[in-house]
Amino acid sequence: MDHQQNLLTFFCKVVSDPRINKAHMAVYMALFYLWSKQQYKGFLSVYSWQILPMAKISTSGTYYTIMKQLDEYGYLKYHPSFYRKKASQVDLEAINVHSY
């Protein structure tokens, strides 16, 4: 799936998904922005401190909850590193078009 289709699929799904709120959308958009800076190639390596200011989220706990939920709901695949100096991996191409 190309990156434009990925974004379109995301928005089509969130319209009818009551579990998704503006924080989920803000985090996803921040991730998508960083992925675009990487030219949409492969997994995105990301630290929470990169996403928090872009998504206007003030606590890392909220960030981790949202990332876990986006993974559970099928919007991305999140592979946390659990190490401060190692980036987590996010697969934005893994959106499940048939979930929910």
N, C-alpha and C. Protein backbone atom coordinates (compact mmCIF):
# COMPACT_ATOMS: atom_id res chain seq x y z
N MET A 1 0.86 -1.17 0.00
CA MET A 1 0.00 0.00 0.00
C MET A 1 0.91 1.23 0.00
N ASP A 2 0.63 2.19 -0.89
CA ASP A 2 1.46 3.39 -0.91
C ASP A 2 1.07 4.32 0.23
N HIS A 3 1.90 5.32 0.48
CA HIS A 3 1.71 6.17 1.65
C HIS A 3 0.42 7.00 1.60
N GLN A 4 0.01 7.44 0.42
CA GLN A 4 -1.24 8.19 0.34
C GLN A 4 -2.44 7.30 0.64
N GLN A 5 -2.42 6.09 0.14
CA GLN A 5 -3.49 5.14 0.43
C GLN A 5 -3.51 4.79 1.91
N ASN A 6 -2.34 4.70 2.51
CA ASN A 6 -2.23 4.42 3.94
C ASN A 6 -2.95 5.49 4.75
N LEU A 7 -2.69 6.74 4.44
CA LEU A 7 -3.32 7.85 5.15
C LEU A 7 -4.82 7.89 4.91
N LEU A 8 -5.23 7.65 3.68
CA LEU A 8 -6.66 7.61 3.35
C LEU A 8 -7.36 6.49 4.11
N THR A 9 -6.74 5.33 4.17
CA THR A 9 -7.30 4.19 4.90
C THR A 9 -7.45 4.53 6.37
N PHE A 10 -6.43 5.17 6.94
CA PHE A 10 -6.50 5.58 8.34
C PHE A 10 -7.72 6.46 8.59
N PHE A 11 -7.89 7.50 7.78
CA PHE A 11 -9.01 8.41 8.00
C PHE A 11 -10.36 7.74 7.74
N CYS A 12 -10.44 6.88 6.78
CA CYS A 12 -11.70 6.16 6.53
C CYS A 12 -12.07 5.29 7.72
N LYS A 13 -11.08 4.67 8.35
CA LYS A 13 -11.34 3.81 9.50
C LYS A 13 -11.72 4.60 10.74
N VAL A 14 -11.02 5.71 11.02
CA VAL A 14 -11.26 6.42 12.27
C VAL A 14 -12.63 7.10 12.30
N VAL A 15 -13.17 7.40 11.14
CA VAL A 15 -14.49 8.04 11.08
C VAL A 15 -15.54 7.18 11.78
N SER A 16 -15.44 5.88 11.61
CA SER A 16 -16.46 5.00 12.19
C SER A 16 -15.97 4.23 13.42
N ASP A 17 -14.83 4.61 13.96
CA ASP A 17 -14.28 3.91 15.12
C ASP A 17 -14.40 4.79 16.37
N PRO A 18 -15.36 4.49 17.25
CA PRO A 18 -15.57 5.32 18.44
C PRO A 18 -14.44 5.25 19.47
N ARG A 19 -13.54 4.29 19.33
CA ARG A 19 -12.42 4.17 20.26
C ARG A 19 -11.35 5.23 20.03
N ILE A 20 -11.33 5.80 18.84
CA ILE A 20 -10.29 6.74 18.46
C ILE A 20 -10.69 8.16 18.84
N ASN A 21 -9.77 8.85 19.53
CA ASN A 21 -10.03 10.25 19.89
C ASN A 21 -8.95 11.13 19.27
N LYS A 22 -8.99 12.41 19.57
CA LYS A 22 -8.07 13.35 18.95
C LYS A 22 -6.61 13.08 19.33
N ALA A 23 -6.36 12.53 20.49
CA ALA A 23 -4.98 12.20 20.87
C ALA A 23 -4.42 11.09 19.98
N HIS A 24 -5.24 10.08 19.68
CA HIS A 24 -4.82 9.02 18.78
C HIS A 24 -4.47 9.60 17.41
N MET A 25 -5.34 10.49 16.95
CA MET A 25 -5.12 11.08 15.63
C MET A 25 -3.87 11.96 15.62
N ALA A 26 -3.64 12.69 16.69
CA ALA A 26 -2.46 13.55 16.77
C ALA A 26 -1.17 12.73 16.76
N VAL A 27 -1.16 11.64 17.51
CA VAL A 27 0.02 10.78 17.53
C VAL A 27 0.25 10.15 16.15
N TYR A 28 -0.81 9.66 15.54
CA TYR A 28 -0.67 9.04 14.22
C TYR A 28 -0.14 10.05 13.21
N MET A 29 -0.65 11.28 13.25
CA MET A 29 -0.20 12.31 12.30
C MET A 29 1.26 12.67 12.54
N ALA A 30 1.68 12.72 13.80
CA ALA A 30 3.09 13.00 14.11
C ALA A 30 3.97 11.87 13.58
N LEU A 31 3.53 10.63 13.78
CA LEU A 31 4.28 9.48 13.26
C LEU A 31 4.35 9.53 11.73
N PHE A 32 3.23 9.83 11.11
CA PHE A 32 3.17 9.89 9.65
C PHE A 32 4.09 10.99 9.12
N TYR A 33 4.14 12.11 9.82
CA TYR A 33 5.03 13.20 9.42
C TYR A 33 6.50 12.75 9.47
N LEU A 34 6.89 12.11 10.57
CA LEU A 34 8.27 11.63 10.67
C LEU A 34 8.58 10.57 9.62
N TRP A 35 7.60 9.74 9.34
CA TRP A 35 7.78 8.71 8.30
C TRP A 35 7.97 9.37 6.94
N SER A 36 7.26 10.46 6.68
CA SER A 36 7.42 11.18 5.41
C SER A 36 8.83 11.77 5.31
N LYS A 37 9.37 12.24 6.44
CA LYS A 37 10.73 12.78 6.45
C LYS A 37 11.75 11.68 6.14
N GLN A 38 11.36 10.44 6.38
CA GLN A 38 12.19 9.26 6.10
C GLN A 38 11.90 8.73 4.70
N GLN A 39 11.08 9.44 3.95
CA GLN A 39 10.66 9.08 2.59
C GLN A 39 9.87 7.77 2.55
N TYR A 40 9.11 7.52 3.61
CA TYR A 40 8.18 6.38 3.68
C TYR A 40 8.88 5.04 3.50
N LYS A 41 10.12 4.94 3.94
CA LYS A 41 10.87 3.70 3.73
C LYS A 41 10.92 2.88 5.01
N GLY A 42 10.37 1.70 4.94
CA GLY A 42 10.46 0.73 6.02
C GLY A 42 9.87 1.18 7.34
N PHE A 43 10.37 0.58 8.40
CA PHE A 43 9.93 0.89 9.74
C PHE A 43 10.41 2.28 10.13
N LEU A 44 9.64 2.93 10.96
CA LEU A 44 10.01 4.23 11.51
C LEU A 44 10.66 4.00 12.86
N SER A 45 11.86 4.50 13.04
CA SER A 45 12.53 4.46 14.34
C SER A 45 12.20 5.76 15.06
N VAL A 46 11.61 5.65 16.23
CA VAL A 46 11.10 6.85 16.89
C VAL A 46 11.25 6.77 18.41
N TYR A 47 11.49 7.93 18.99
CA TYR A 47 11.54 8.09 20.44
C TYR A 47 10.29 8.86 20.87
N SER A 48 9.82 8.61 22.05
CA SER A 48 8.62 9.31 22.53
C SER A 48 8.85 10.82 22.58
N TRP A 49 10.07 11.24 22.92
CA TRP A 49 10.34 12.68 23.02
C TRP A 49 10.20 13.39 21.67
N GLN A 50 10.25 12.65 20.58
CA GLN A 50 10.03 13.25 19.26
C GLN A 50 8.55 13.50 19.00
N ILE A 51 7.72 12.63 19.51
CA ILE A 51 6.29 12.67 19.23
C ILE A 51 5.53 13.60 20.18
N LEU A 52 5.90 13.61 21.44
CA LEU A 52 5.15 14.36 22.46
C LEU A 52 4.88 15.82 22.06
N PRO A 53 5.87 16.60 21.67
CA PRO A 53 5.56 18.00 21.33
C PRO A 53 4.75 18.15 20.05
N MET A 54 4.97 17.29 19.07
CA MET A 54 4.22 17.37 17.82
C MET A 54 2.76 17.02 18.02
N ALA A 55 2.50 16.04 18.86
CA ALA A 55 1.13 15.58 19.10
C ALA A 55 0.45 16.38 20.23
N LYS A 56 1.19 17.32 20.81
CA LYS A 56 0.65 18.15 21.91
C LYS A 56 0.22 17.30 23.09
N ILE A 57 1.06 16.30 23.39
CA ILE A 57 0.83 15.41 24.54
C ILE A 57 1.91 15.73 25.57
N SER A 58 1.51 15.83 26.83
CA SER A 58 2.45 16.27 27.85
C SER A 58 3.10 15.14 28.65
N THR A 59 2.54 13.94 28.62
CA THR A 59 3.13 12.86 29.42
C THR A 59 3.46 11.64 28.56
N SER A 60 4.56 11.02 28.90
CA SER A 60 4.96 9.83 28.15
C SER A 60 4.00 8.66 28.41
N GLY A 61 3.38 8.63 29.57
CA GLY A 61 2.40 7.57 29.86
C GLY A 61 1.24 7.59 28.89
N THR A 62 0.76 8.79 28.58
CA THR A 62 -0.32 8.93 27.60
C THR A 62 0.15 8.45 26.23
N TYR A 63 1.36 8.83 25.87
CA TYR A 63 1.93 8.41 24.58
C TYR A 63 1.97 6.89 24.48
N TYR A 64 2.50 6.23 25.50
CA TYR A 64 2.62 4.77 25.46
C TYR A 64 1.26 4.09 25.42
N THR A 65 0.29 4.64 26.14
CA THR A 65 -1.06 4.10 26.09
C THR A 65 -1.65 4.20 24.69
N ILE A 66 -1.49 5.35 24.08
CA ILE A 66 -2.02 5.58 22.74
C ILE A 66 -1.34 4.67 21.72
N MET A 67 -0.02 4.55 21.82
CA MET A 67 0.70 3.68 20.89
C MET A 67 0.23 2.23 21.03
N LYS A 68 0.07 1.78 22.25
CA LYS A 68 -0.40 0.42 22.50
C LYS A 68 -1.80 0.22 21.91
N GLN A 69 -2.67 1.21 22.10
CA GLN A 69 -4.03 1.11 21.57
C GLN A 69 -4.04 1.13 20.04
N LEU A 70 -3.26 2.01 19.44
CA LEU A 70 -3.20 2.04 17.97
C LEU A 70 -2.73 0.71 17.41
N ASP A 71 -1.81 0.07 18.12
CA ASP A 71 -1.34 -1.26 17.72
C ASP A 71 -2.46 -2.29 17.89
N GLU A 72 -3.10 -2.30 19.05
CA GLU A 72 -4.19 -3.25 19.32
C GLU A 72 -5.35 -3.09 18.34
N TYR A 73 -5.65 -1.86 17.97
CA TYR A 73 -6.77 -1.58 17.08
C TYR A 73 -6.44 -1.82 15.61
N GLY A 74 -5.19 -2.12 15.29
CA GLY A 74 -4.82 -2.45 13.92
C GLY A 74 -4.42 -1.28 13.03
N TYR A 75 -4.10 -0.14 13.64
CA TYR A 75 -3.72 1.03 12.84
C TYR A 75 -2.24 1.08 12.52
N LEU A 76 -1.44 0.36 13.28
CA LEU A 76 0.00 0.29 13.06
C LEU A 76 0.54 -0.90 13.84
N LYS A 77 1.80 -1.19 13.64
CA LYS A 77 2.48 -2.21 14.44
C LYS A 77 3.55 -1.49 15.24
N TYR A 78 3.48 -1.63 16.55
CA TYR A 78 4.37 -0.92 17.47
C TYR A 78 5.26 -1.93 18.17
N HIS A 79 6.55 -1.71 18.06
CA HIS A 79 7.55 -2.57 18.69
C HIS A 79 8.37 -1.71 19.64
N PRO A 80 7.93 -1.58 20.91
CA PRO A 80 8.66 -0.73 21.86
C PRO A 80 10.03 -1.30 22.17
N SER A 81 10.99 -0.42 22.40
CA SER A 81 12.35 -0.89 22.69
C SER A 81 12.57 -1.13 24.18
N PHE A 82 11.88 -0.38 25.05
CA PHE A 82 12.03 -0.46 26.50
C PHE A 82 13.39 0.03 26.98
N TYR A 83 14.19 0.61 26.09
CA TYR A 83 15.49 1.16 26.44
C TYR A 83 15.55 2.62 26.03
N ARG A 84 15.96 3.46 26.94
CA ARG A 84 15.97 4.90 26.72
C ARG A 84 16.80 5.31 25.51
N LYS A 85 17.89 4.63 25.25
CA LYS A 85 18.79 5.02 24.17
C LYS A 85 18.57 4.26 22.87
N LYS A 86 17.51 3.45 22.83
CA LYS A 86 17.19 2.70 21.62
C LYS A 86 15.78 3.06 21.18
N ALA A 87 15.65 3.46 19.92
CA ALA A 87 14.35 3.87 19.40
C ALA A 87 13.39 2.69 19.27
N SER A 88 12.13 2.98 19.44
CA SER A 88 11.09 1.99 19.17
C SER A 88 10.87 1.93 17.66
N GLN A 89 10.31 0.84 17.20
CA GLN A 89 10.04 0.66 15.77
C GLN A 89 8.53 0.68 15.54
N VAL A 90 8.14 1.42 14.51
CA VAL A 90 6.72 1.53 14.17
C VAL A 90 6.55 1.22 12.70
N ASP A 91 5.62 0.33 12.39
CA ASP A 91 5.30 -0.02 11.01
C ASP A 91 3.95 0.60 10.68
N LEU A 92 3.98 1.69 9.92
CA LEU A 92 2.74 2.37 9.54
C LEU A 92 2.07 1.73 8.35
N GLU A 93 2.77 0.86 7.66
CA GLU A 93 2.17 0.17 6.51
C GLU A 93 1.35 -1.03 6.93
N ALA A 94 1.36 -1.34 8.20
CA ALA A 94 0.68 -2.55 8.70
C ALA A 94 -0.77 -2.30 9.05
N ILE A 95 -1.35 -1.21 8.58
CA ILE A 95 -2.74 -0.89 8.93
C ILE A 95 -3.66 -2.02 8.47
N ASN A 96 -4.51 -2.45 9.37
CA ASN A 96 -5.43 -3.54 9.08
C ASN A 96 -6.73 -2.94 8.55
N VAL A 97 -6.97 -3.08 7.28
CA VAL A 97 -8.14 -2.46 6.66
C VAL A 97 -9.44 -3.14 7.04
N HIS A 98 -9.36 -4.33 7.62
CA HIS A 98 -10.57 -5.08 7.92
C HIS A 98 -10.92 -5.12 9.40
N SER A 99 -10.11 -4.48 10.26
CA SER A 99 -10.44 -4.53 11.69
C SER A 99 -11.53 -3.54 12.03
N TYR A 100 -12.16 -3.76 13.13
CA TYR A 100 -13.27 -3.01 13.70
C TYR A 100 -14.46 -3.06 12.84
